[in-house]
Amino acid sequence: MKQQLLTGDNIDGIGWLLSDILSTIGFDVKRCSNSFAALEEECIRNSFDGLVFFIMAETDELYSFVSRTSAESPDMKLFVLSYVKSYPMRRRLEMLGVADFFLMPESLNRISRYIYTAMLTNHDRPLAEEIISYLENKGIKINTGFFYMYTAMRMCILRQELLDDMTAGFYPMLAELMGTTPTGAEQVLRRFGKRMQNEGIVFGDKGGKSMTANKYMISSAIDEFMSKYYHYE
């Protein structure tokens, strides 16, 4: 079951853009006004796994909202996107229960990366962080294709037999996790492989035409990953 996020918006529509990115990487996202009253009302009516909202000023209302929300929904993770640069404010919000604090302007793709890993369980997070770091260290930009490749690698590291059954096993599972169709998942990975080839990024010792074949691209990336992060082997 997909994790559910509630996202607020700000005056420039950045919250809507962020919610679109979070949707493409596998979250079930509901959008609403960024006012504390609207966010609190949604949290009372529905159960969310995470809340993402913007702050434009440091106010008593902000601290009261975070304190009440943390107390009423202790299992929901709070993420703040702040246009206020204040370390004391950040520390106070974290003490009240905020899971992560992003100082704006920040790349929405990078924000989604940290929200994604923060929403994982303690059991799942170490492997996820290592795979994401592996892809980042190869110079791959964080976008939709990045998260599809990460998810594909993680799936096949945990269940190696999936690569032996791409049509009936691998693509349906990836599609379910990413909220798309098996054909859509295949096409995203294929476009990702072509972009890697155009940018000269090679996984392991399999470059050239094999980069456009999803199975070889993924298996090669896993082989290279395992050689550097052998702890998970």
C-alpha atoms as a PDB file:
ATOM      1  CA  MET A   1       0.000   0.000   0.000  1.00  0.00           C
ATOM      2  CA  LYS A   2       1.322   3.431  -0.929  1.00  0.00           C
ATOM      3  CA  GLN A   3       2.247   5.836   1.827  1.00  0.00           C
ATOM      4  CA  GLN A   4      -0.021   8.863   1.984  1.00  0.00           C
ATOM      5  CA  LEU A   5       1.329  12.407   2.088  1.00  0.00           C
ATOM      6  CA  LEU A   6      -0.454  15.713   2.578  1.00  0.00           C
ATOM      7  CA  THR A   7       1.247  18.683   0.905  1.00  0.00           C
ATOM      8  CA  GLY A   8       0.530  22.352   1.341  1.00  0.00           C
ATOM      9  CA  ASP A   9       1.138  24.953  -1.332  1.00  0.00           C
ATOM     10  CA  ASN A  10       2.689  28.393  -1.229  1.00  0.00           C
ATOM     11  CA  ILE A  11       2.059  31.508  -3.293  1.00  0.00           C
ATOM     12  CA  ASP A  12       4.320  30.425  -6.181  1.00  0.00           C
ATOM     13  CA  GLY A  13       2.742  26.999  -6.652  1.00  0.00           C
ATOM     14  CA  ILE A  14       5.940  25.221  -5.620  1.00  0.00           C
ATOM     15  CA  GLY A  15       3.991  22.882  -3.369  1.00  0.00           C
ATOM     16  CA  TRP A  16       1.972  21.665  -6.342  1.00  0.00           C
ATOM     17  CA  LEU A  17       5.160  20.945  -8.294  1.00  0.00           C
ATOM     18  CA  LEU A  18       6.653  19.071  -5.356  1.00  0.00           C
ATOM     19  CA  SER A  19       3.473  17.015  -4.944  1.00  0.00           C
ATOM     20  CA  ASP A  20       3.699  15.985  -8.602  1.00  0.00           C
ATOM     21  CA  ILE A  21       7.286  14.752  -8.087  1.00  0.00           C
ATOM     22  CA  LEU A  22       6.336  12.889  -4.911  1.00  0.00           C
ATOM     23  CA  SER A  23       3.492  11.224  -6.816  1.00  0.00           C
ATOM     24  CA  THR A  24       5.793  10.034  -9.594  1.00  0.00           C
ATOM     25  CA  ILE A  25       8.143   8.362  -7.107  1.00  0.00           C
ATOM     26  CA  GLY A  26       5.408   6.300  -5.506  1.00  0.00           C
ATOM     27  CA  PHE A  27       3.544   8.319  -2.870  1.00  0.00           C
ATOM     28  CA  ASP A  28      -0.217   8.841  -2.699  1.00  0.00           C
ATOM     29  CA  VAL A  29      -0.353  12.636  -2.401  1.00  0.00           C
ATOM     30  CA  LYS A  30      -3.248  14.883  -1.394  1.00  0.00           C
ATOM     31  CA  ARG A  31      -2.852  18.610  -1.884  1.00  0.00           C
ATOM     32  CA  CYS A  32      -4.486  21.445   0.027  1.00  0.00           C
ATOM     33  CA  SER A  33      -4.002  25.046   1.060  1.00  0.00           C
ATOM     34  CA  ASN A  34      -0.879  25.778   3.061  1.00  0.00           C
ATOM     35  CA  SER A  35      -2.820  27.579   5.825  1.00  0.00           C
ATOM     36  CA  PHE A  36      -2.411  25.941   9.222  1.00  0.00           C
ATOM     37  CA  ALA A  37      -6.189  25.737   9.584  1.00  0.00           C
ATOM     38  CA  ALA A  38      -6.617  23.877   6.286  1.00  0.00           C
ATOM     39  CA  LEU A  39      -3.722  21.503   6.985  1.00  0.00           C
ATOM     40  CA  GLU A  40      -4.987  20.751  10.480  1.00  0.00           C
ATOM     41  CA  GLU A  41      -8.514  20.115   9.213  1.00  0.00           C
ATOM     42  CA  GLU A  42      -7.215  17.619   6.617  1.00  0.00           C
ATOM     43  CA  CYS A  43      -5.137  15.845   9.247  1.00  0.00           C
ATOM     44  CA  ILE A  44      -8.182  15.514  11.493  1.00  0.00           C
ATOM     45  CA  ARG A  45     -10.346  14.118   8.651  1.00  0.00           C
ATOM     46  CA  ASN A  46      -7.746  11.755   7.211  1.00  0.00           C
ATOM     47  CA  SER A  47      -4.799   9.656   8.327  1.00  0.00           C
ATOM     48  CA  PHE A  48      -1.524  10.598   6.628  1.00  0.00           C
ATOM     49  CA  ASP A  49       1.944   9.107   6.876  1.00  0.00           C
ATOM     50  CA  GLY A  50       3.601  12.455   6.228  1.00  0.00           C
ATOM     51  CA  LEU A  51       2.871  16.189   6.055  1.00  0.00           C
ATOM     52  CA  VAL A  52       4.827  18.656   3.914  1.00  0.00           C
ATOM     53  CA  PHE A  53       4.229  22.388   4.400  1.00  0.00           C
ATOM     54  CA  PHE A  54       5.839  25.791   3.888  1.00  0.00           C
ATOM     55  CA  ILE A  55       6.578  28.531   6.405  1.00  0.00           C
ATOM     56  CA  MET A  56       7.080  32.162   5.473  1.00  0.00           C
ATOM     57  CA  ALA A  57       7.505  33.623   8.962  1.00  0.00           C
ATOM     58  CA  GLU A  58       8.280  32.605  12.531  1.00  0.00           C
ATOM     59  CA  THR A  59       5.108  32.943  14.577  1.00  0.00           C
ATOM     60  CA  ASP A  60       3.532  31.583  17.744  1.00  0.00           C
ATOM     61  CA  GLU A  61       0.839  30.052  15.514  1.00  0.00           C
ATOM     62  CA  LEU A  62       3.546  28.002  13.745  1.00  0.00           C
ATOM     63  CA  TYR A  63       4.824  26.481  16.972  1.00  0.00           C
ATOM     64  CA  SER A  64       1.296  25.818  18.238  1.00  0.00           C
ATOM     65  CA  PHE A  65       0.365  24.093  14.974  1.00  0.00           C
ATOM     66  CA  VAL A  66       3.449  21.852  14.985  1.00  0.00           C
ATOM     67  CA  SER A  67       3.014  21.038  18.673  1.00  0.00           C
ATOM     68  CA  ARG A  68      -0.671  20.106  18.264  1.00  0.00           C
ATOM     69  CA  THR A  69      -0.104  18.123  15.061  1.00  0.00           C
ATOM     70  CA  SER A  70       2.800  16.156  16.542  1.00  0.00           C
ATOM     71  CA  ALA A  71       0.743  15.322  19.637  1.00  0.00           C
ATOM     72  CA  GLU A  72      -2.409  14.343  17.727  1.00  0.00           C
ATOM     73  CA  SER A  73      -0.620  12.380  14.965  1.00  0.00           C
ATOM     74  CA  PRO A  74       2.590  11.037  16.558  1.00  0.00           C
ATOM     75  CA  ASP A  75       3.224   8.545  13.725  1.00  0.00           C
ATOM     76  CA  MET A  76       2.972  11.178  10.984  1.00  0.00           C
ATOM     77  CA  LYS A  77       6.281  12.685   9.857  1.00  0.00           C
ATOM     78  CA  LEU A  78       6.436  16.456   9.408  1.00  0.00           C
ATOM     79  CA  PHE A  79       8.578  18.141   6.754  1.00  0.00           C
ATOM     80  CA  VAL A  80       9.071  21.909   6.761  1.00  0.00           C
ATOM     81  CA  LEU A  81      10.098  23.951   3.713  1.00  0.00           C
ATOM     82  CA  SER A  82      11.182  27.267   5.186  1.00  0.00           C
ATOM     83  CA  TYR A  83      11.798  30.679   3.650  1.00  0.00           C
ATOM     84  CA  VAL A  84      13.031  31.821   7.060  1.00  0.00           C
ATOM     85  CA  LYS A  85      16.712  31.286   7.783  1.00  0.00           C
ATOM     86  CA  SER A  86      16.894  30.733  11.522  1.00  0.00           C
ATOM     87  CA  TYR A  87      18.842  27.987  13.227  1.00  0.00           C
ATOM     88  CA  PRO A  88      17.128  28.519  16.613  1.00  0.00           C
ATOM     89  CA  MET A  89      13.740  28.200  14.893  1.00  0.00           C
ATOM     90  CA  ARG A  90      14.855  25.018  13.162  1.00  0.00           C
ATOM     91  CA  ARG A  91      16.074  23.495  16.415  1.00  0.00           C
ATOM     92  CA  ARG A  92      12.846  24.397  18.177  1.00  0.00           C
ATOM     93  CA  LEU A  93      10.744  22.842  15.391  1.00  0.00           C
ATOM     94  CA  GLU A  94      12.832  19.683  15.467  1.00  0.00           C
ATOM     95  CA  MET A  95      12.343  19.450  19.233  1.00  0.00           C
ATOM     96  CA  LEU A  96       8.596  19.720  18.639  1.00  0.00           C
ATOM     97  CA  GLY A  97       8.679  16.782  16.247  1.00  0.00           C
ATOM     98  CA  VAL A  98       9.630  18.012  12.770  1.00  0.00           C
ATOM     99  CA  ALA A  99      11.402  15.186  10.903  1.00  0.00           C
ATOM    100  CA  ASP A 100      13.267  17.307   8.363  1.00  0.00           C
ATOM    101  CA  PHE A 101      13.763  21.013   7.650  1.00  0.00           C
ATOM    102  CA  PHE A 102      14.599  22.393   4.186  1.00  0.00           C
ATOM    103  CA  LEU A 103      15.798  25.954   3.687  1.00  0.00           C
ATOM    104  CA  MET A 104      14.341  27.390   0.490  1.00  0.00           C
ATOM    105  CA  PRO A 105      15.118  27.801  -2.293  1.00  0.00           C
ATOM    106  CA  GLU A 106      16.194  24.170  -2.652  1.00  0.00           C
ATOM    107  CA  SER A 107      15.897  21.730  -5.530  1.00  0.00           C
ATOM    108  CA  LEU A 108      12.514  20.023  -5.384  1.00  0.00           C
ATOM    109  CA  ASN A 109      14.085  16.808  -6.664  1.00  0.00           C
ATOM    110  CA  ARG A 110      16.559  16.816  -3.786  1.00  0.00           C
ATOM    111  CA  ILE A 111      13.795  17.566  -1.300  1.00  0.00           C
ATOM    112  CA  SER A 112      11.840  14.590  -2.649  1.00  0.00           C
ATOM    113  CA  ARG A 113      14.969  12.420  -2.273  1.00  0.00           C
ATOM    114  CA  TYR A 114      15.259  13.235   1.440  1.00  0.00           C
ATOM    115  CA  ILE A 115      11.530  12.923   2.062  1.00  0.00           C
ATOM    116  CA  TYR A 116      11.603   9.526   0.373  1.00  0.00           C
ATOM    117  CA  THR A 117      14.388   8.149   2.565  1.00  0.00           C
ATOM    118  CA  ALA A 118      12.958   9.712   5.723  1.00  0.00           C
ATOM    119  CA  MET A 119       9.664   7.909   5.105  1.00  0.00           C
ATOM    120  CA  LEU A 120      11.364   4.499   5.010  1.00  0.00           C
ATOM    121  CA  THR A 121      11.550   2.226   8.031  1.00  0.00           C
ATOM    122  CA  ASN A 122      14.799   1.927   9.947  1.00  0.00           C
ATOM    123  CA  HIS A 123      15.154  -1.554   8.456  1.00  0.00           C
ATOM    124  CA  ASP A 124      14.799  -0.382   4.836  1.00  0.00           C
ATOM    125  CA  ARG A 125      16.682   2.924   5.043  1.00  0.00           C
ATOM    126  CA  PRO A 126      20.349   1.751   5.077  1.00  0.00           C
ATOM    127  CA  LEU A 127      20.124  -0.137   1.779  1.00  0.00           C
ATOM    128  CA  ALA A 128      18.116   2.680   0.206  1.00  0.00           C
ATOM    129  CA  GLU A 129      20.686   5.281   1.252  1.00  0.00           C
ATOM    130  CA  GLU A 130      23.528   3.185  -0.181  1.00  0.00           C
ATOM    131  CA  ILE A 131      21.840   2.647  -3.562  1.00  0.00           C
ATOM    132  CA  ILE A 132      20.888   6.320  -3.833  1.00  0.00           C
ATOM    133  CA  SER A 133      24.446   7.366  -2.922  1.00  0.00           C
ATOM    134  CA  TYR A 134      25.806   4.954  -5.542  1.00  0.00           C
ATOM    135  CA  LEU A 135      23.636   6.537  -8.256  1.00  0.00           C
ATOM    136  CA  GLU A 136      24.413  10.078  -7.087  1.00  0.00           C
ATOM    137  CA  ASN A 137      28.153   9.363  -7.084  1.00  0.00           C
ATOM    138  CA  LYS A 138      27.909   8.344 -10.728  1.00  0.00           C
ATOM    139  CA  GLY A 139      26.674  11.849 -11.504  1.00  0.00           C
ATOM    140  CA  ILE A 140      23.068  10.905 -12.187  1.00  0.00           C
ATOM    141  CA  LYS A 141      20.579  13.713 -11.658  1.00  0.00           C
ATOM    142  CA  ILE A 142      17.751  13.120  -9.220  1.00  0.00           C
ATOM    143  CA  ASN A 143      14.548  12.901 -11.249  1.00  0.00           C
ATOM    144  CA  THR A 144      11.834  10.391 -12.094  1.00  0.00           C
ATOM    145  CA  GLY A 145      14.194   8.070 -13.973  1.00  0.00           C
ATOM    146  CA  PHE A 146      16.611   8.150 -11.035  1.00  0.00           C
ATOM    147  CA  PHE A 147      13.924   6.853  -8.658  1.00  0.00           C
ATOM    148  CA  TYR A 148      12.787   4.176 -11.103  1.00  0.00           C
ATOM    149  CA  MET A 149      16.366   2.934 -11.409  1.00  0.00           C
ATOM    150  CA  TYR A 150      16.834   3.008  -7.638  1.00  0.00           C
ATOM    151  CA  THR A 151      13.606   1.072  -7.092  1.00  0.00           C
ATOM    152  CA  ALA A 152      14.513  -1.466  -9.784  1.00  0.00           C
ATOM    153  CA  MET A 153      17.910  -2.072  -8.198  1.00  0.00           C
ATOM    154  CA  ARG A 154      16.495  -2.414  -4.710  1.00  0.00           C
ATOM    155  CA  MET A 155      13.829  -4.855  -5.868  1.00  0.00           C
ATOM    156  CA  CYS A 156      16.341  -7.076  -7.635  1.00  0.00           C
ATOM    157  CA  ILE A 157      18.910  -6.990  -4.840  1.00  0.00           C
ATOM    158  CA  LEU A 158      16.276  -8.269  -2.443  1.00  0.00           C
ATOM    159  CA  ARG A 159      14.717 -10.661  -4.968  1.00  0.00           C
ATOM    160  CA  GLN A 160      17.306 -11.673  -7.553  1.00  0.00           C
ATOM    161  CA  GLU A 161      14.856 -13.962  -9.389  1.00  0.00           C
ATOM    162  CA  LEU A 162      12.896 -10.941 -10.668  1.00  0.00           C
ATOM    163  CA  LEU A 163      15.467 -10.298 -13.412  1.00  0.00           C
ATOM    164  CA  ASP A 164      14.780 -13.768 -14.779  1.00  0.00           C
ATOM    165  CA  ASP A 165      11.128 -12.931 -15.325  1.00  0.00           C
ATOM    166  CA  MET A 166      10.925  -9.338 -16.542  1.00  0.00           C
ATOM    167  CA  THR A 167       7.469  -9.505 -18.139  1.00  0.00           C
ATOM    168  CA  ALA A 168       5.445 -11.373 -15.521  1.00  0.00           C
ATOM    169  CA  GLY A 169       7.493 -10.568 -12.422  1.00  0.00           C
ATOM    170  CA  PHE A 170       9.715  -7.517 -12.608  1.00  0.00           C
ATOM    171  CA  TYR A 171       7.640  -4.949 -14.545  1.00  0.00           C
ATOM    172  CA  PRO A 172       4.325  -5.621 -12.731  1.00  0.00           C
ATOM    173  CA  MET A 173       6.035  -5.240  -9.335  1.00  0.00           C
ATOM    174  CA  LEU A 174       7.856  -2.059 -10.358  1.00  0.00           C
ATOM    175  CA  ALA A 175       4.645  -0.644 -11.828  1.00  0.00           C
ATOM    176  CA  GLU A 176       2.749  -1.302  -8.606  1.00  0.00           C
ATOM    177  CA  LEU A 177       5.409   0.411  -6.514  1.00  0.00           C
ATOM    178  CA  MET A 178       5.610   3.439  -8.818  1.00  0.00           C
ATOM    179  CA  GLY A 179       1.886   3.787  -9.500  1.00  0.00           C
ATOM    180  CA  THR A 180       2.024   3.183 -13.241  1.00  0.00           C
ATOM    181  CA  THR A 181       1.561   0.363 -15.760  1.00  0.00           C
ATOM    182  CA  PRO A 182       4.113  -2.348 -16.602  1.00  0.00           C
ATOM    183  CA  THR A 183       4.521  -0.767 -20.060  1.00  0.00           C
ATOM    184  CA  GLY A 184       4.998   2.666 -18.502  1.00  0.00           C
ATOM    185  CA  ALA A 185       7.654   1.322 -16.125  1.00  0.00           C
ATOM    186  CA  GLU A 186       9.498  -0.358 -18.993  1.00  0.00           C
ATOM    187  CA  GLN A 187       9.472   2.854 -21.028  1.00  0.00           C
ATOM    188  CA  VAL A 188      10.755   5.029 -18.167  1.00  0.00           C
ATOM    189  CA  LEU A 189      13.711   2.686 -17.628  1.00  0.00           C
ATOM    190  CA  ARG A 190      14.397   2.516 -21.352  1.00  0.00           C
ATOM    191  CA  ARG A 191      14.485   6.312 -21.617  1.00  0.00           C
ATOM    192  CA  PHE A 192      16.713   6.412 -18.538  1.00  0.00           C
ATOM    193  CA  GLY A 193      19.146   3.958 -20.163  1.00  0.00           C
ATOM    194  CA  LYS A 194      19.268   5.992 -23.375  1.00  0.00           C
ATOM    195  CA  ARG A 195      19.959   9.154 -21.396  1.00  0.00           C
ATOM    196  CA  MET A 196      22.771   7.436 -19.509  1.00  0.00           C
ATOM    197  CA  GLN A 197      24.283   6.331 -22.805  1.00  0.00           C
ATOM    198  CA  ASN A 198      24.040   9.864 -24.222  1.00  0.00           C
ATOM    199  CA  GLU A 199      25.683  11.285 -21.089  1.00  0.00           C
ATOM    200  CA  GLY A 200      28.469   8.688 -21.147  1.00  0.00           C
ATOM    201  CA  ILE A 201      27.465   7.115 -17.837  1.00  0.00           C
ATOM    202  CA  VAL A 202      28.235   3.392 -17.780  1.00  0.00           C
ATOM    203  CA  PHE A 203      27.324   0.818 -15.157  1.00  0.00           C
ATOM    204  CA  GLY A 204      30.062  -1.718 -14.538  1.00  0.00           C
ATOM    205  CA  ASP A 205      31.569  -3.170 -17.682  1.00  0.00           C
ATOM    206  CA  LYS A 206      28.381  -3.137 -19.757  1.00  0.00           C
ATOM    207  CA  GLY A 207      28.238  -0.067 -21.946  1.00  0.00           C
ATOM    208  CA  GLY A 208      27.247   0.557 -25.522  1.00  0.00           C
ATOM    209  CA  LYS A 209      24.052  -0.948 -26.849  1.00  0.00           C
ATOM    210  CA  SER A 210      23.447  -3.045 -23.748  1.00  0.00           C
ATOM    211  CA  MET A 211      22.697   0.162 -21.816  1.00  0.00           C
ATOM    212  CA  THR A 212      19.391   0.401 -23.692  1.00  0.00           C
ATOM    213  CA  ALA A 213      18.337  -3.110 -22.575  1.00  0.00           C
ATOM    214  CA  ASN A 214      16.806  -2.706 -19.128  1.00  0.00           C
ATOM    215  CA  LYS A 215      17.733  -6.147 -17.839  1.00  0.00           C
ATOM    216  CA  TYR A 216      21.421  -5.746 -18.647  1.00  0.00           C
ATOM    217  CA  MET A 217      21.524  -2.169 -17.369  1.00  0.00           C
ATOM    218  CA  ILE A 218      20.015  -3.137 -14.027  1.00  0.00           C
ATOM    219  CA  SER A 219      22.065  -6.316 -13.566  1.00  0.00           C
ATOM    220  CA  SER A 220      25.258  -4.456 -14.456  1.00  0.00           C
ATOM    221  CA  ALA A 221      24.454  -1.664 -11.990  1.00  0.00           C
ATOM    222  CA  ILE A 222      23.758  -4.214  -9.254  1.00  0.00           C
ATOM    223  CA  ASP A 223      27.040  -6.021  -9.947  1.00  0.00           C
ATOM    224  CA  GLU A 224      28.949  -2.746  -9.676  1.00  0.00           C
ATOM    225  CA  PHE A 225      27.021  -1.694  -6.583  1.00  0.00           C
ATOM    226  CA  MET A 226      27.691  -5.006  -4.866  1.00  0.00           C
ATOM    227  CA  SER A 227      31.394  -4.753  -5.615  1.00  0.00           C
ATOM    228  CA  LYS A 228      31.521  -1.423  -3.764  1.00  0.00           C
ATOM    229  CA  TYR A 229      28.894  -2.020  -1.085  1.00  0.00           C
ATOM    230  CA  TYR A 230      29.481  -5.704  -0.441  1.00  0.00           C
ATOM    231  CA  HIS A 231      27.892  -5.513   3.009  1.00  0.00           C
ATOM    232  CA  TYR A 232      24.522  -6.304   1.432  1.00  0.00           C
ATOM    233  CA  GLU A 233      25.733  -9.270  -0.572  1.00  0.00           C
END
